[in-house]
Amino acid sequence: MNVYVEASFDTAVASGPGESLVQWFRMARAQPFRDLVEAEDGGEVTSEARIIRDIDAPPRRFTRDGWDQFEAALSTFPWGAGLTFLTHGEELDELGRANSYHVLRDGSIWRASASVSVDAPDDAVTCTGLVDFLHAALDASNPAFGRIEWRNFDELTNRDAVLSRKPRTSQRESRRFLRGYAWATVCPAELAARLGGATALESSGPFTGCSRSGRGVCCCRLRKRRPDIRTR
């Protein structure tokens, strides 16, 4: 796996906390993991989903036949959840995964992520599909931040690292200050509006190809990097 996709949420999310998780995992399975789901149909891949109701609870595991039950459990906004795809056989190599967990114990901030593989960083079809996945997964919500990174699985964003910002401080202020610049960056509606919207973001310098969702969230590509990735 060489690509990391992330979205951070807080209590200002439009769709509700449980629904934000349902949409993330549902769209991950339907889009970046679609080929793995099809390979599982042919017996080449196996998958496991799990729910951790609270931080001290043991995981509850689901097979592919229990997907509806898994989504029902996601809707209750558990502390953690995961979906993993593995090769089928004696050697279990991880092929892809999606996760979520509460960043703060009180559940006021939570994160969802996906780790996937692409053939090359300039694979236009696959990389465009990842941007489309973000649009689909976040269409009904207003996330506090989001990003797509190439070979960077660090939860600390590049701006947080340069500015020596504590991650929790950055997360709490993410609707006021942009947390980082990545392959593709998701800007929350409140911040996008304050900065002038998609057109202003695109002309500001770092970004190109900014597009706006129905909730006012902007998804922007980083200028002069991954030139073949397009936004909708």
Protein backbone atom coordinates (compact mmCIF):
# COMPACT_ATOMS: atom_id res chain seq x y z
CA MET A 1 0.00 0.00 0.00
CA ASN A 2 1.37 3.38 -0.96
CA VAL A 3 -1.50 5.87 -0.70
CA TYR A 4 -3.09 7.20 2.48
CA VAL A 5 -6.54 8.84 2.41
CA GLU A 6 -7.92 10.55 5.50
CA ALA A 7 -10.86 12.62 6.67
CA SER A 8 -11.30 14.23 10.08
CA PHE A 9 -14.68 15.05 11.56
CA ASP A 10 -16.06 16.93 14.53
CA THR A 11 -19.47 17.70 16.00
CA ALA A 12 -20.18 20.23 13.22
CA VAL A 13 -20.44 17.38 10.70
CA ALA A 14 -23.63 17.77 8.67
CA SER A 15 -24.63 14.14 8.25
CA GLY A 16 -24.32 13.01 11.88
CA PRO A 17 -21.40 11.03 13.33
CA GLY A 18 -22.72 7.54 12.67
CA GLU A 19 -23.72 8.31 9.09
CA SER A 20 -20.27 9.78 8.37
CA LEU A 21 -18.75 6.38 9.23
CA VAL A 22 -21.33 4.42 7.22
CA GLN A 23 -20.63 6.52 4.14
CA TRP A 24 -16.85 6.24 4.52
CA PHE A 25 -16.77 2.45 4.71
CA ARG A 26 -19.53 1.97 2.15
CA MET A 27 -17.79 4.15 -0.43
CA ALA A 28 -14.38 2.63 0.34
CA ARG A 29 -15.78 -0.81 -0.45
CA ALA A 30 -17.56 0.44 -3.58
CA GLN A 31 -14.71 2.50 -5.05
CA PRO A 32 -11.00 2.04 -4.14
CA PHE A 33 -11.62 -1.53 -2.88
CA ARG A 34 -14.04 -2.52 -5.65
CA ASP A 35 -11.51 -4.81 -7.36
CA LEU A 36 -10.74 -6.50 -4.04
CA VAL A 37 -14.44 -7.11 -3.42
CA GLU A 38 -14.71 -8.70 -6.87
CA ALA A 39 -11.60 -10.80 -6.19
CA GLU A 40 -13.21 -11.97 -2.97
CA ASP A 41 -16.17 -13.18 -5.01
CA GLY A 42 -13.71 -15.39 -6.89
CA GLY A 43 -12.10 -16.73 -3.73
CA GLU A 44 -8.75 -14.97 -4.28
CA VAL A 45 -9.14 -12.48 -1.41
CA THR A 46 -10.66 -12.57 2.05
CA SER A 47 -11.94 -9.67 4.14
CA GLU A 48 -12.79 -8.96 7.73
CA ALA A 49 -14.72 -6.06 9.25
CA ARG A 50 -14.65 -5.23 12.95
CA ILE A 51 -16.30 -2.88 15.41
CA ILE A 52 -14.81 -1.74 18.72
CA ARG A 53 -17.74 -0.38 20.69
CA ASP A 54 -15.56 1.57 23.15
CA ILE A 55 -11.85 1.89 23.81
CA ASP A 56 -11.79 -0.96 26.33
CA ALA A 57 -14.11 -3.35 24.48
CA PRO A 58 -12.94 -6.38 22.49
CA PRO A 59 -13.56 -6.21 18.72
CA ARG A 60 -16.74 -7.63 17.25
CA ARG A 61 -15.89 -9.26 13.91
CA PHE A 62 -17.99 -9.54 10.75
CA THR A 63 -17.56 -11.63 7.62
CA ARG A 64 -18.56 -10.34 4.19
CA ASP A 65 -22.02 -11.87 4.67
CA GLY A 66 -22.52 -9.66 7.71
CA TRP A 67 -22.02 -6.33 5.92
CA ASP A 68 -25.52 -5.04 6.74
CA GLN A 69 -24.92 -5.77 10.42
CA PHE A 70 -21.54 -4.03 10.20
CA GLU A 71 -23.15 -0.88 8.77
CA ALA A 72 -25.83 -1.00 11.47
CA ALA A 73 -23.07 -1.10 14.10
CA LEU A 74 -21.27 1.79 12.39
CA SER A 75 -24.41 3.90 12.63
CA THR A 76 -24.18 3.70 16.44
CA PHE A 77 -20.88 5.65 16.25
CA PRO A 78 -18.50 3.12 17.88
CA TRP A 79 -15.09 4.12 19.21
CA GLY A 80 -13.34 2.25 16.42
CA ALA A 81 -14.00 0.27 13.24
CA GLY A 82 -11.98 -1.43 10.55
CA LEU A 83 -12.14 -3.24 7.23
CA THR A 84 -9.17 -5.28 6.01
CA PHE A 85 -8.60 -7.18 2.76
CA LEU A 86 -6.06 -10.02 2.76
CA THR A 87 -4.74 -12.55 0.30
CA HIS A 88 -6.50 -15.88 0.64
CA GLY A 89 -4.21 -18.73 1.68
CA GLU A 90 -1.50 -19.61 4.18
CA GLU A 91 0.36 -16.31 3.73
CA LEU A 92 -2.01 -13.48 4.64
CA ASP A 93 -0.68 -10.33 2.98
CA GLU A 94 -2.62 -7.15 3.60
CA LEU A 95 -3.99 -5.65 0.37
CA GLY A 96 -6.03 -2.72 1.65
CA ARG A 97 -7.65 -1.37 4.79
CA ALA A 98 -10.03 1.28 6.08
CA ASN A 99 -10.24 2.40 9.70
CA SER A 100 -11.94 4.88 11.98
CA TYR A 101 -11.50 5.84 15.61
CA HIS A 102 -12.27 8.59 18.07
CA VAL A 103 -9.35 11.02 18.33
CA LEU A 104 -10.73 12.39 21.60
CA ARG A 105 -12.20 10.07 24.18
CA ASP A 106 -15.42 12.10 24.37
CA GLY A 107 -16.06 11.45 20.65
CA SER A 108 -16.04 15.13 19.69
CA ILE A 109 -13.33 14.54 17.04
CA TRP A 110 -12.93 11.36 15.00
CA ARG A 111 -10.91 10.24 12.01
CA ALA A 112 -11.54 7.89 9.10
CA SER A 113 -8.81 6.62 6.81
CA ALA A 114 -8.06 4.23 3.97
CA SER A 115 -4.77 2.75 2.80
CA VAL A 116 -4.66 1.59 -0.81
CA SER A 117 -2.19 0.67 -3.54
CA VAL A 118 -1.77 2.34 -6.91
CA ASP A 119 0.56 1.18 -9.67
CA ALA A 120 2.32 4.54 -9.94
CA PRO A 121 1.85 8.09 -8.61
CA ASP A 122 1.06 9.29 -12.14
CA ASP A 123 -1.60 6.63 -12.75
CA ALA A 124 -4.29 9.10 -13.82
CA VAL A 125 -7.27 6.72 -13.74
CA THR A 126 -6.58 5.32 -10.27
CA CYS A 127 -5.62 8.67 -8.75
CA THR A 128 -8.68 10.39 -10.17
CA GLY A 129 -10.72 7.56 -8.67
CA LEU A 130 -9.31 8.36 -5.24
CA VAL A 131 -10.43 11.98 -5.54
CA ASP A 132 -13.85 10.76 -6.65
CA PHE A 133 -13.91 8.49 -3.59
CA LEU A 134 -13.38 11.50 -1.31
CA HIS A 135 -16.25 13.32 -3.01
CA ALA A 136 -18.56 10.32 -2.63
CA ALA A 137 -17.58 9.52 0.95
CA LEU A 138 -17.87 13.13 2.13
CA ASP A 139 -20.75 14.36 -0.04
CA ALA A 140 -23.34 14.38 2.74
CA SER A 141 -21.06 15.69 5.47
CA ASN A 142 -18.87 18.69 6.19
CA PRO A 143 -15.55 17.22 7.37
CA ALA A 144 -13.08 19.34 9.28
CA PHE A 145 -10.19 18.30 7.03
CA GLY A 146 -9.19 15.66 4.51
CA ARG A 147 -6.21 14.65 2.39
CA ILE A 148 -4.65 12.13 0.01
CA GLU A 149 -0.95 11.42 0.55
CA TRP A 150 1.62 9.45 -1.44
CA ARG A 151 3.79 7.20 0.78
CA ASN A 152 3.03 9.30 3.85
CA PHE A 153 1.05 7.46 6.53
CA ASP A 154 1.96 9.86 9.34
CA GLU A 155 -1.04 11.25 11.22
CA LEU A 156 0.93 14.49 11.64
CA THR A 157 0.28 16.73 8.63
CA ASN A 158 3.12 18.54 6.87
CA ARG A 159 2.00 21.98 8.14
CA ASP A 160 1.66 20.72 11.69
CA ALA A 161 5.21 19.37 11.47
CA VAL A 162 6.68 22.59 10.05
CA LEU A 163 4.80 24.81 12.52
CA SER A 164 5.40 22.42 15.45
CA ARG A 165 1.67 22.37 16.13
CA LYS A 166 0.28 19.77 18.47
CA PRO A 167 -2.07 17.48 16.53
CA ARG A 168 -4.98 17.92 18.93
CA THR A 169 -4.65 21.71 18.81
CA SER A 170 -4.56 21.57 15.02
CA GLN A 171 -7.61 19.30 14.92
CA ARG A 172 -9.62 21.57 17.22
CA GLU A 173 -8.77 24.61 15.03
CA SER A 174 -9.23 22.90 11.65
CA ARG A 175 -12.35 24.89 10.75
CA ARG A 176 -10.34 28.09 11.24
CA PHE A 177 -6.89 27.15 9.87
CA LEU A 178 -5.96 24.70 7.12
CA ARG A 179 -4.07 21.77 8.63
CA GLY A 180 -1.90 20.89 5.64
CA TYR A 181 -1.25 20.65 1.92
CA ALA A 182 -1.32 17.23 0.29
CA TRP A 183 -1.82 15.48 -3.06
CA ALA A 184 -5.44 16.45 -2.63
CA THR A 185 -6.69 18.52 0.29
CA VAL A 186 -10.23 18.85 1.65
CA CYS A 187 -11.08 22.27 3.02
CA PRO A 188 -14.11 22.50 5.35
CA ALA A 189 -17.03 24.66 4.26
CA GLU A 190 -16.52 27.35 6.92
CA LEU A 191 -12.86 27.84 6.02
CA ALA A 192 -13.50 27.61 2.28
CA ALA A 193 -16.14 30.35 2.55
CA ARG A 194 -13.82 32.58 4.60
CA LEU A 195 -11.07 32.16 1.99
CA GLY A 196 -13.40 33.04 -0.88
CA GLY A 197 -14.53 29.63 -2.14
CA ALA A 198 -13.16 27.26 -4.74
CA THR A 199 -12.23 29.98 -7.27
CA ALA A 200 -10.24 31.96 -4.70
CA LEU A 201 -8.50 28.85 -3.41
CA GLU A 202 -7.52 27.86 -6.94
CA SER A 203 -6.03 31.30 -7.64
CA SER A 204 -4.24 31.55 -4.27
CA GLY A 205 -1.12 29.71 -5.42
CA PRO A 206 -0.77 26.26 -3.83
CA PHE A 207 -3.90 24.70 -5.32
CA THR A 208 -5.33 23.89 -8.70
CA GLY A 209 -8.46 22.09 -9.85
CA CYS A 210 -10.56 23.00 -6.80
CA SER A 211 -14.11 21.67 -6.80
CA ARG A 212 -17.00 22.33 -4.43
CA SER A 213 -19.46 19.85 -2.99
CA GLY A 214 -23.10 20.56 -2.19
CA ARG A 215 -22.14 21.23 1.44
CA GLY A 216 -19.63 23.91 0.44
CA VAL A 217 -16.61 21.70 1.09
CA CYS A 218 -13.73 22.22 -1.36
CA CYS A 219 -11.42 19.49 -2.60
CA CYS A 220 -8.23 20.86 -4.20
CA ARG A 221 -5.23 19.32 -5.91
CA LEU A 222 -1.78 20.60 -5.06
CA ARG A 223 -0.31 22.60 -7.92
CA LYS A 224 2.63 21.10 -9.85
CA ARG A 225 2.21 17.68 -8.24
CA ARG A 226 0.37 14.65 -9.56
CA PRO A 227 -0.64 16.62 -12.68
CA ASP A 228 -2.83 13.84 -14.05
CA ILE A 229 -5.22 13.78 -11.09
CA ARG A 230 -8.41 15.63 -11.91
CA THR A 231 -11.25 16.73 -9.68
CA ARG A 232 -14.88 16.47 -10.69
